[in-house]
């Protein structure tokens, strides 16, 4: 089996991230992404369908393929809602969601469901070559938990800042690679 090299890239900073609210699908990124450079020759680029991911991917390459499996976690009726508002108005539901990976009090997708979607996508992703994929913090957390074989509860202990990268490679099994500073 030929090697697959997949670099997951978190979309650039959004107003939702800056203000502490769950994002909407059409939230744009803020300004430029100075930490991002164009893809090297031969690298194919995928993007989650949300605007913030597509805008970030456009800084990387002129041709980008949309991959629905990279979509952000569906936060149901919490989309667009500030965390502080949820703490005031739905504190029990928020607390439940934060400790139970199967919980979906927002009516959307639980972390367990997101993890299953990402795990299935990674398992099926077997096209050799170099790939970059622009996605979201929750998707990157799910990928890390999957590759490490960690408990799903570990996702809450992983910070994924805007424009961060996660390098994965696969011949027989997925591996994570730490790069130089």
N, C-alpha and C. Protein backbone atom coordinates (compact mmCIF):
# COMPACT_ATOMS: atom_id res chain seq x y z
N UNK A 1 0.84 -1.18 0.00
CA UNK A 1 0.00 0.00 0.00
C UNK A 1 0.89 1.24 0.00
N UNK A 2 0.59 2.17 -0.92
CA UNK A 2 1.34 3.42 -0.98
C UNK A 2 0.90 4.33 0.17
N UNK A 3 1.80 5.19 0.58
CA UNK A 3 1.54 6.08 1.71
C UNK A 3 0.53 7.18 1.38
N UNK A 4 -0.29 7.49 2.36
CA UNK A 4 -1.19 8.62 2.30
C UNK A 4 -0.68 9.62 3.33
N UNK A 5 -0.51 10.85 2.91
CA UNK A 5 -0.12 11.91 3.84
C UNK A 5 -1.25 12.93 3.85
N UNK A 6 -1.84 13.11 5.01
CA UNK A 6 -3.01 13.97 5.16
C UNK A 6 -2.73 15.00 6.24
N UNK A 7 -2.74 16.26 5.88
CA UNK A 7 -2.56 17.34 6.85
C UNK A 7 -3.91 18.02 7.05
N UNK A 8 -4.43 17.91 8.27
CA UNK A 8 -5.66 18.61 8.63
C UNK A 8 -5.28 20.00 9.09
N UNK A 9 -5.99 21.00 8.58
CA UNK A 9 -5.72 22.39 8.92
C UNK A 9 -7.00 23.01 9.45
N UNK A 10 -6.90 23.64 10.60
CA UNK A 10 -8.06 24.32 11.18
C UNK A 10 -8.28 25.63 10.43
N UNK A 11 -9.54 25.93 10.16
CA UNK A 11 -9.87 27.19 9.48
C UNK A 11 -9.33 28.38 10.27
N UNK A 12 -9.23 29.50 9.59
CA UNK A 12 -8.74 30.74 10.21
C UNK A 12 -9.76 31.27 11.23
N UNK A 13 -9.32 32.21 12.03
CA UNK A 13 -10.11 32.79 13.12
C UNK A 13 -11.42 33.41 12.62
N UNK A 14 -12.48 33.15 13.37
CA UNK A 14 -13.79 33.73 13.07
C UNK A 14 -14.25 34.60 14.24
N UNK A 15 -15.25 35.42 13.98
CA UNK A 15 -15.84 36.24 15.04
C UNK A 15 -16.45 35.34 16.12
N UNK A 16 -17.04 34.23 15.72
CA UNK A 16 -17.63 33.30 16.69
C UNK A 16 -16.57 32.79 17.67
N UNK A 17 -15.41 32.42 17.17
CA UNK A 17 -14.34 31.96 18.05
C UNK A 17 -13.87 33.09 18.96
N UNK A 18 -13.75 34.27 18.40
CA UNK A 18 -13.25 35.42 19.16
C UNK A 18 -14.21 35.83 20.28
N UNK A 19 -15.51 35.62 20.06
CA UNK A 19 -16.51 36.06 21.03
C UNK A 19 -17.11 34.93 21.86
N UNK A 20 -16.69 33.69 21.61
CA UNK A 20 -17.16 32.58 22.43
C UNK A 20 -18.58 32.13 22.13
N UNK A 21 -18.89 31.96 20.86
CA UNK A 21 -20.21 31.45 20.50
C UNK A 21 -20.05 30.31 19.50
N UNK A 22 -21.07 29.47 19.42
CA UNK A 22 -21.07 28.40 18.43
C UNK A 22 -21.28 29.03 17.05
N UNK A 23 -20.56 28.54 16.08
CA UNK A 23 -20.56 29.13 14.75
C UNK A 23 -21.82 28.80 13.96
N UNK A 24 -22.05 29.63 12.96
CA UNK A 24 -23.07 29.39 11.94
C UNK A 24 -22.33 28.95 10.67
N UNK A 25 -23.01 28.22 9.79
CA UNK A 25 -22.37 27.70 8.58
C UNK A 25 -21.81 28.81 7.69
N UNK A 26 -22.43 29.99 7.71
CA UNK A 26 -21.99 31.07 6.83
C UNK A 26 -21.10 32.10 7.53
N UNK A 27 -20.55 31.77 8.69
CA UNK A 27 -19.61 32.68 9.36
C UNK A 27 -18.33 32.79 8.54
N UNK A 28 -17.91 34.02 8.20
CA UNK A 28 -16.65 34.19 7.46
C UNK A 28 -15.47 34.23 8.43
N UNK A 29 -14.28 34.13 7.86
CA UNK A 29 -13.07 34.29 8.66
C UNK A 29 -12.79 35.78 8.83
N UNK A 30 -11.97 36.11 9.81
CA UNK A 30 -11.58 37.50 10.05
C UNK A 30 -10.26 37.78 9.35
N UNK A 31 -10.26 38.69 8.42
CA UNK A 31 -9.02 39.14 7.79
C UNK A 31 -8.27 38.07 7.02
N UNK A 32 -6.96 38.28 6.93
CA UNK A 32 -6.09 37.37 6.21
C UNK A 32 -5.60 36.26 7.13
N UNK A 33 -5.02 35.25 6.52
CA UNK A 33 -4.44 34.13 7.26
C UNK A 33 -2.93 34.13 7.02
N UNK A 34 -2.20 35.00 7.71
CA UNK A 34 -0.77 35.15 7.43
C UNK A 34 0.06 33.90 7.73
N UNK A 35 -0.45 32.99 8.56
CA UNK A 35 0.31 31.80 8.90
C UNK A 35 0.21 30.72 7.83
N UNK A 36 -0.65 30.93 6.84
CA UNK A 36 -0.88 29.91 5.83
C UNK A 36 -0.12 30.25 4.55
N UNK A 37 0.54 29.24 4.00
CA UNK A 37 1.24 29.39 2.74
C UNK A 37 0.56 28.48 1.73
N UNK A 38 0.72 28.81 0.46
CA UNK A 38 0.13 28.00 -0.60
C UNK A 38 0.67 26.57 -0.54
N UNK A 39 -0.15 25.64 -1.00
CA UNK A 39 0.26 24.24 -0.98
C UNK A 39 1.43 24.01 -1.93
N UNK A 40 2.31 23.09 -1.58
CA UNK A 40 3.38 22.73 -2.51
C UNK A 40 2.79 22.02 -3.74
N UNK A 41 3.56 21.95 -4.80
CA UNK A 41 3.12 21.25 -6.01
C UNK A 41 2.75 19.81 -5.67
N UNK A 42 1.69 19.34 -6.29
CA UNK A 42 1.28 17.95 -6.14
C UNK A 42 0.36 17.67 -4.97
N UNK A 43 0.11 18.67 -4.12
CA UNK A 43 -0.77 18.48 -2.97
C UNK A 43 -2.20 18.81 -3.39
N UNK A 44 -3.12 17.92 -3.05
CA UNK A 44 -4.53 18.16 -3.34
C UNK A 44 -5.20 18.70 -2.08
N UNK A 45 -6.16 19.61 -2.27
CA UNK A 45 -6.79 20.28 -1.13
C UNK A 45 -8.28 19.95 -1.05
N UNK A 46 -8.68 19.57 0.15
CA UNK A 46 -10.08 19.32 0.48
C UNK A 46 -10.54 20.41 1.44
N UNK A 47 -11.84 20.63 1.50
CA UNK A 47 -12.39 21.61 2.44
C UNK A 47 -13.73 21.13 2.97
N UNK A 48 -13.97 21.44 4.22
CA UNK A 48 -15.31 21.29 4.78
C UNK A 48 -16.23 22.25 4.03
N UNK A 49 -17.53 22.00 4.03
CA UNK A 49 -18.44 22.84 3.24
C UNK A 49 -18.72 24.24 3.81
N UNK A 50 -18.46 24.48 5.08
CA UNK A 50 -18.79 25.77 5.68
C UNK A 50 -17.91 26.88 5.10
N UNK A 51 -18.46 28.11 5.06
CA UNK A 51 -17.78 29.26 4.48
C UNK A 51 -16.39 29.47 5.07
N UNK A 52 -16.25 29.40 6.38
CA UNK A 52 -14.96 29.68 7.02
C UNK A 52 -13.88 28.70 6.55
N UNK A 53 -14.25 27.45 6.31
CA UNK A 53 -13.29 26.47 5.80
C UNK A 53 -12.98 26.73 4.33
N UNK A 54 -14.00 27.02 3.55
CA UNK A 54 -13.79 27.29 2.12
C UNK A 54 -12.91 28.52 1.91
N UNK A 55 -13.14 29.58 2.71
CA UNK A 55 -12.32 30.78 2.59
C UNK A 55 -10.86 30.49 2.94
N UNK A 56 -10.65 29.73 4.00
CA UNK A 56 -9.29 29.38 4.39
C UNK A 56 -8.63 28.53 3.31
N UNK A 57 -9.35 27.56 2.78
CA UNK A 57 -8.81 26.70 1.72
C UNK A 57 -8.45 27.49 0.48
N UNK A 58 -9.22 28.53 0.18
CA UNK A 58 -8.94 29.35 -1.01
C UNK A 58 -7.61 30.07 -0.90
N UNK A 59 -7.13 30.34 0.33
CA UNK A 59 -5.81 30.94 0.51
C UNK A 59 -4.71 29.93 0.20
N UNK A 60 -5.04 28.65 0.28
CA UNK A 60 -4.04 27.61 0.09
C UNK A 60 -3.89 27.16 -1.36
N UNK A 61 -5.00 27.13 -2.08
CA UNK A 61 -4.96 26.58 -3.44
C UNK A 61 -6.11 27.13 -4.27
N UNK A 62 -5.90 27.24 -5.57
CA UNK A 62 -6.98 27.73 -6.44
C UNK A 62 -8.07 26.66 -6.66
N UNK A 63 -7.70 25.38 -6.57
CA UNK A 63 -8.66 24.30 -6.76
C UNK A 63 -8.84 23.54 -5.45
N UNK A 64 -10.08 23.49 -4.99
CA UNK A 64 -10.40 22.85 -3.72
C UNK A 64 -11.63 21.98 -3.92
N UNK A 65 -11.58 20.77 -3.38
CA UNK A 65 -12.74 19.87 -3.45
C UNK A 65 -13.45 19.86 -2.10
N UNK A 66 -14.76 20.04 -2.12
CA UNK A 66 -15.56 20.03 -0.89
C UNK A 66 -15.76 18.58 -0.43
N UNK A 67 -15.52 18.35 0.85
CA UNK A 67 -15.68 17.03 1.45
C UNK A 67 -16.65 17.16 2.62
N UNK A 68 -17.86 16.64 2.46
CA UNK A 68 -18.89 16.79 3.48
C UNK A 68 -18.54 16.10 4.79
N UNK A 69 -17.72 15.06 4.75
CA UNK A 69 -17.33 14.36 5.99
C UNK A 69 -16.51 15.26 6.91
N UNK A 70 -15.94 16.34 6.36
CA UNK A 70 -15.14 17.27 7.16
C UNK A 70 -15.98 18.39 7.78
N UNK A 71 -17.30 18.33 7.59
CA UNK A 71 -18.20 19.36 8.12
C UNK A 71 -18.08 19.47 9.63
N UNK A 72 -18.33 20.67 10.12
CA UNK A 72 -18.29 20.92 11.56
C UNK A 72 -19.38 20.11 12.25
N UNK A 73 -19.22 19.95 13.54
CA UNK A 73 -20.23 19.27 14.35
C UNK A 73 -21.53 20.06 14.27
N UNK A 74 -22.62 19.38 14.01
CA UNK A 74 -23.94 20.02 13.93
C UNK A 74 -24.39 20.35 15.36
N UNK A 75 -24.43 21.62 15.67
CA UNK A 75 -24.78 22.06 17.03
C UNK A 75 -26.27 22.37 17.17
N UNK A 76 -27.06 21.96 16.20
CA UNK A 76 -28.51 22.09 16.31
C UNK A 76 -28.94 23.51 16.63
N UNK A 77 -29.85 23.65 17.61
CA UNK A 77 -30.37 24.98 17.94
C UNK A 77 -29.39 25.82 18.77
N UNK A 78 -28.20 25.30 19.05
CA UNK A 78 -27.16 26.10 19.71
C UNK A 78 -26.32 26.87 18.69
N UNK A 79 -26.47 26.62 17.41
CA UNK A 79 -25.68 27.35 16.42
C UNK A 79 -25.94 28.85 16.56
N UNK A 80 -24.84 29.60 16.62
CA UNK A 80 -24.93 31.04 16.75
C UNK A 80 -25.11 31.54 18.17
N UNK A 81 -25.28 30.64 19.14
CA UNK A 81 -25.54 31.02 20.53
C UNK A 81 -24.21 31.13 21.30
N UNK A 82 -24.10 32.15 22.12
CA UNK A 82 -22.90 32.37 22.94
C UNK A 82 -22.86 31.39 24.10
N UNK A 83 -21.66 30.93 24.44
CA UNK A 83 -21.50 30.03 25.58
C UNK A 83 -22.00 30.66 26.88
N UNK A 84 -21.76 31.95 27.05
CA UNK A 84 -22.23 32.63 28.27
C UNK A 84 -23.75 32.59 28.37
N UNK A 85 -24.42 32.74 27.24
CA UNK A 85 -25.88 32.65 27.24
C UNK A 85 -26.33 31.24 27.63
N UNK A 86 -25.67 30.23 27.10
CA UNK A 86 -26.02 28.85 27.45
C UNK A 86 -25.75 28.58 28.93
N UNK A 87 -24.67 29.13 29.45
CA UNK A 87 -24.38 28.97 30.88
C UNK A 87 -25.48 29.56 31.74
N UNK A 88 -26.06 30.68 31.31
CA UNK A 88 -27.14 31.32 32.05
C UNK A 88 -28.47 30.58 31.87
N UNK A 89 -28.80 30.23 30.64
CA UNK A 89 -30.13 29.76 30.31
C UNK A 89 -30.28 28.23 30.23
N UNK A 90 -29.20 27.52 29.95
CA UNK A 90 -29.28 26.06 29.81
C UNK A 90 -28.07 25.40 30.46
N UNK A 91 -27.76 25.82 31.67
CA UNK A 91 -26.54 25.35 32.32
C UNK A 91 -26.50 23.83 32.51
N UNK A 92 -27.63 23.21 32.84
CA UNK A 92 -27.64 21.76 33.02
C UNK A 92 -27.40 21.03 31.70
N UNK A 93 -28.04 21.51 30.63
CA UNK A 93 -27.86 20.90 29.31
C UNK A 93 -26.42 21.05 28.84
N UNK A 94 -25.83 22.23 29.05
CA UNK A 94 -24.45 22.48 28.66
C UNK A 94 -23.50 21.57 29.45
N UNK A 95 -23.73 21.47 30.75
CA UNK A 95 -22.89 20.61 31.58
C UNK A 95 -22.99 19.15 31.14
N UNK A 96 -24.20 18.70 30.83
CA UNK A 96 -24.41 17.33 30.36
C UNK A 96 -23.64 17.10 29.06
N UNK A 97 -23.74 18.03 28.12
CA UNK A 97 -23.06 17.92 26.84
C UNK A 97 -21.54 17.86 27.02
N UNK A 98 -21.03 18.58 28.02
CA UNK A 98 -19.58 18.64 28.24
C UNK A 98 -19.01 17.37 28.86
N UNK A 99 -19.84 16.55 29.50
CA UNK A 99 -19.31 15.34 30.15
C UNK A 99 -19.76 14.04 29.49
N UNK A 100 -20.79 14.09 28.66
CA UNK A 100 -21.32 12.87 28.05
C UNK A 100 -21.15 12.96 26.54
N UNK A 101 -20.26 12.14 25.97
CA UNK A 101 -19.97 12.21 24.54
C UNK A 101 -21.16 11.80 23.68
N UNK A 102 -22.15 11.14 24.26
CA UNK A 102 -23.35 10.76 23.52
C UNK A 102 -24.47 11.81 23.62
N UNK A 103 -24.26 12.83 24.43
CA UNK A 103 -25.29 13.84 24.66
C UNK A 103 -25.42 14.78 23.46
N UNK A 104 -26.66 15.13 23.16
CA UNK A 104 -26.94 16.10 22.11
C UNK A 104 -28.15 16.94 22.52
N UNK A 105 -28.04 17.67 23.65
CA UNK A 105 -29.18 18.46 24.12
C UNK A 105 -29.56 19.59 23.17
N UNK A 106 -28.68 19.90 22.24
CA UNK A 106 -28.92 20.95 21.25
C UNK A 106 -29.74 20.45 20.07
N UNK A 107 -29.98 19.13 20.02
CA UNK A 107 -30.74 18.56 18.92
C UNK A 107 -29.91 18.31 17.68
N UNK A 108 -28.60 18.44 17.79
CA UNK A 108 -27.71 18.22 16.65
C UNK A 108 -26.96 16.92 16.80
N UNK A 109 -25.67 16.99 16.56
CA UNK A 109 -24.80 15.82 16.52
C UNK A 109 -24.02 15.72 17.83
N UNK A 110 -23.99 14.56 18.44
CA UNK A 110 -23.17 14.35 19.64
C UNK A 110 -21.71 14.23 19.22
N UNK A 111 -20.79 14.34 20.19
CA UNK A 111 -19.39 14.13 19.84
C UNK A 111 -19.17 12.70 19.39
N UNK A 112 -19.86 11.74 19.99
CA UNK A 112 -19.71 10.34 19.59
C UNK A 112 -20.12 10.16 18.13
N UNK A 113 -21.20 10.81 17.71
CA UNK A 113 -21.64 10.71 16.31
C UNK A 113 -20.63 11.38 15.38
N UNK A 114 -20.11 12.54 15.79
CA UNK A 114 -19.08 13.22 15.00
C UNK A 114 -17.85 12.32 14.88
N UNK A 115 -17.43 11.75 15.99
CA UNK A 115 -16.26 10.87 15.99
C UNK A 115 -16.47 9.70 15.04
N UNK A 116 -17.64 9.10 15.08
CA UNK A 116 -17.93 7.97 14.19
C UNK A 116 -17.83 8.39 12.72
N UNK A 117 -18.38 9.55 12.41
CA UNK A 117 -18.32 10.08 11.03
C UNK A 117 -16.87 10.28 10.58
N UNK A 118 -16.06 10.92 11.44
CA UNK A 118 -14.67 11.19 11.10
C UNK A 118 -13.88 9.89 11.02
N UNK A 119 -14.12 8.97 11.95
CA UNK A 119 -13.41 7.68 11.94
C UNK A 119 -13.72 6.90 10.66
N UNK A 120 -14.97 6.90 10.25
CA UNK A 120 -15.35 6.20 9.01
C UNK A 120 -14.68 6.85 7.80
N UNK A 121 -14.61 8.18 7.80
CA UNK A 121 -13.97 8.88 6.69
C UNK A 121 -12.48 8.54 6.64
N UNK A 122 -11.81 8.58 7.80
CA UNK A 122 -10.39 8.24 7.84
C UNK A 122 -10.15 6.80 7.39
N UNK A 123 -10.99 5.89 7.82
CA UNK A 123 -10.84 4.49 7.44
C UNK A 123 -10.97 4.31 5.93
N UNK A 124 -11.87 5.05 5.31
CA UNK A 124 -12.10 4.92 3.87
C UNK A 124 -11.11 5.74 3.04
N UNK A 125 -10.40 6.66 3.68
CA UNK A 125 -9.48 7.54 2.94
C UNK A 125 -8.20 6.78 2.62
N UNK A 126 -8.10 6.32 1.40
CA UNK A 126 -6.95 5.51 1.04
C UNK A 126 -6.31 5.92 -0.30
N UNK A 127 -6.56 7.15 -0.73
CA UNK A 127 -5.98 7.63 -1.97
C UNK A 127 -4.55 8.08 -1.70
N UNK A 128 -3.57 7.38 -2.26
CA UNK A 128 -2.17 7.74 -2.00
C UNK A 128 -1.85 9.17 -2.42
N UNK A 129 -0.84 9.71 -1.79
CA UNK A 129 -0.37 11.05 -2.14
C UNK A 129 -0.45 12.00 -0.97
N UNK A 130 -0.25 13.27 -1.31
CA UNK A 130 -0.27 14.33 -0.31
C UNK A 130 -1.58 15.09 -0.39
N UNK A 131 -2.22 15.24 0.75
CA UNK A 131 -3.52 15.91 0.85
C UNK A 131 -3.48 16.91 1.99
N UNK A 132 -4.10 18.06 1.78
CA UNK A 132 -4.38 19.01 2.85
C UNK A 132 -5.89 19.13 2.94
N UNK A 133 -6.41 19.18 4.15
CA UNK A 133 -7.85 19.26 4.34
C UNK A 133 -8.17 20.32 5.38
N UNK A 134 -8.91 21.35 4.97
CA UNK A 134 -9.29 22.43 5.88
C UNK A 134 -10.60 22.05 6.55
N UNK A 135 -10.60 22.10 7.87
CA UNK A 135 -11.77 21.66 8.62
C UNK A 135 -11.90 22.48 9.91
N UNK A 136 -12.46 21.89 10.95
CA UNK A 136 -12.85 22.59 12.17
C UNK A 136 -12.20 21.96 13.41
N UNK A 137 -12.12 22.72 14.50
CA UNK A 137 -11.52 22.19 15.72
C UNK A 137 -12.14 20.87 16.19
N UNK A 138 -13.46 20.76 16.19
CA UNK A 138 -14.11 19.52 16.66
C UNK A 138 -13.75 18.33 15.78
N UNK A 139 -13.66 18.55 14.48
CA UNK A 139 -13.29 17.47 13.55
C UNK A 139 -11.84 17.04 13.79
N UNK A 140 -10.97 18.02 14.00
CA UNK A 140 -9.57 17.69 14.27
C UNK A 140 -9.42 16.96 15.59
N UNK A 141 -10.20 17.35 16.59
CA UNK A 141 -10.18 16.62 17.86
C UNK A 141 -10.61 15.17 17.66
N UNK A 142 -11.68 14.98 16.89
CA UNK A 142 -12.17 13.63 16.63
C UNK A 142 -11.10 12.79 15.92
N UNK A 143 -10.41 13.39 14.96
CA UNK A 143 -9.34 12.68 14.25
C UNK A 143 -8.22 12.29 15.19
N UNK A 144 -7.82 13.21 16.08
CA UNK A 144 -6.75 12.90 17.04
C UNK A 144 -7.15 11.77 17.97
N UNK A 145 -8.36 11.84 18.49
CA UNK A 145 -8.85 10.80 19.40
C UNK A 145 -8.86 9.45 18.66
N UNK A 146 -9.28 9.44 17.41
CA UNK A 146 -9.33 8.21 16.62
C UNK A 146 -7.93 7.64 16.39
N UNK A 147 -7.01 8.47 15.93
CA UNK A 147 -5.67 8.00 15.61
C UNK A 147 -4.95 7.50 16.86
N UNK A 148 -5.14 8.18 17.97
CA UNK A 148 -4.49 7.77 19.22
C UNK A 148 -5.20 6.61 19.91
N UNK A 149 -6.42 6.31 19.48
CA UNK A 149 -7.18 5.26 20.15
C UNK A 149 -7.56 5.65 21.56
N UNK A 150 -7.75 6.93 21.78
CA UNK A 150 -8.05 7.47 23.12
C UNK A 150 -9.53 7.34 23.44
N UNK A 151 -9.83 7.53 24.69
CA UNK A 151 -11.22 7.63 25.14
C UNK A 151 -11.84 8.86 24.48
N UNK A 152 -13.11 8.75 24.10
CA UNK A 152 -13.77 9.89 23.47
C UNK A 152 -13.80 11.11 24.38
N UNK A 153 -13.79 10.89 25.69
CA UNK A 153 -13.79 12.00 26.63
C UNK A 153 -12.54 12.87 26.54
N UNK A 154 -11.49 12.35 25.90
CA UNK A 154 -10.23 13.10 25.79
C UNK A 154 -10.37 14.31 24.87
N UNK A 155 -11.41 14.34 24.02
CA UNK A 155 -11.52 15.44 23.07
C UNK A 155 -11.61 16.80 23.75
N UNK A 156 -12.15 16.86 24.96
CA UNK A 156 -12.29 18.14 25.65
C UNK A 156 -10.96 18.69 26.14
N UNK A 157 -9.94 17.85 26.18
CA UNK A 157 -8.64 18.29 26.67
C UNK A 157 -7.70 18.68 25.53
N UNK A 158 -8.23 18.80 24.32
CA UNK A 158 -7.41 19.14 23.16
C UNK A 158 -7.81 20.53 22.66
N UNK A 159 -6.85 21.44 22.63
CA UNK A 159 -7.08 22.77 22.07
C UNK A 159 -6.62 22.77 20.62
N UNK A 160 -7.43 23.33 19.75
CA UNK A 160 -7.10 23.42 18.33
C UNK A 160 -7.27 24.88 17.92
N UNK A 161 -6.18 25.65 17.93
CA UNK A 161 -6.29 27.06 17.55
C UNK A 161 -6.47 27.24 16.05
N UNK A 162 -6.95 28.41 15.63
CA UNK A 162 -7.10 28.70 14.21
C UNK A 162 -5.78 28.50 13.46
N UNK A 163 -5.88 27.97 12.25
CA UNK A 163 -4.75 27.74 11.34
C UNK A 163 -3.75 26.69 11.83
N UNK A 164 -4.09 25.95 12.89
CA UNK A 164 -3.18 24.90 13.34
C UNK A 164 -3.26 23.71 12.40
N UNK A 165 -2.22 22.88 12.44
CA UNK A 165 -2.11 21.73 11.53
C UNK A 165 -1.93 20.45 12.31
N UNK A 166 -2.47 19.39 11.77
CA UNK A 166 -2.29 18.05 12.31
C UNK A 166 -1.85 17.17 11.16
N UNK A 167 -0.62 16.67 11.23
CA UNK A 167 -0.09 15.85 10.15
C UNK A 167 -0.34 14.38 10.46
N UNK A 168 -0.99 13.70 9.51
CA UNK A 168 -1.27 12.28 9.63
C UNK A 168 -0.65 11.57 8.43
N UNK A 169 -0.26 10.32 8.64
CA UNK A 169 0.21 9.51 7.52
C UNK A 169 -0.32 8.10 7.73
N UNK A 170 -0.45 7.40 6.59
CA UNK A 170 -1.00 6.04 6.69
C UNK A 170 -0.35 5.15 5.63
N UNK A 171 0.12 4.02 6.09
CA UNK A 171 0.44 2.91 5.20
C UNK A 171 -0.49 1.77 5.61
N UNK A 172 -0.30 1.25 6.80
CA UNK A 172 -1.22 0.23 7.34
C UNK A 172 -2.21 0.86 8.33
N UNK A 173 -1.69 1.71 9.20
CA UNK A 173 -2.53 2.39 10.20
C UNK A 173 -2.19 3.87 10.17
N UNK A 174 -3.12 4.69 10.67
CA UNK A 174 -2.87 6.12 10.75
C UNK A 174 -1.87 6.42 11.86
N UNK A 175 -0.99 7.35 11.59
CA UNK A 175 -0.02 7.84 12.58
C UNK A 175 -0.05 9.35 12.57
N UNK A 176 0.20 9.95 13.75
CA UNK A 176 0.34 11.40 13.85
C UNK A 176 1.83 11.72 13.82
N UNK A 177 2.14 12.87 13.25
CA UNK A 177 3.53 13.29 13.18
C UNK A 177 3.67 14.68 13.75
N UNK A 178 4.61 14.83 14.67
CA UNK A 178 4.94 16.15 15.20
C UNK A 178 6.03 16.75 14.31
N UNK A 179 5.84 18.00 13.96
CA UNK A 179 6.81 18.66 13.09
C UNK A 179 7.72 19.57 13.88
N UNK A 180 8.71 20.13 13.20
CA UNK A 180 9.61 21.08 13.86
C UNK A 180 8.89 22.35 14.23
N UNK A 181 9.45 23.06 15.19
CA UNK A 181 8.86 24.32 15.64
C UNK A 181 8.99 25.38 14.58
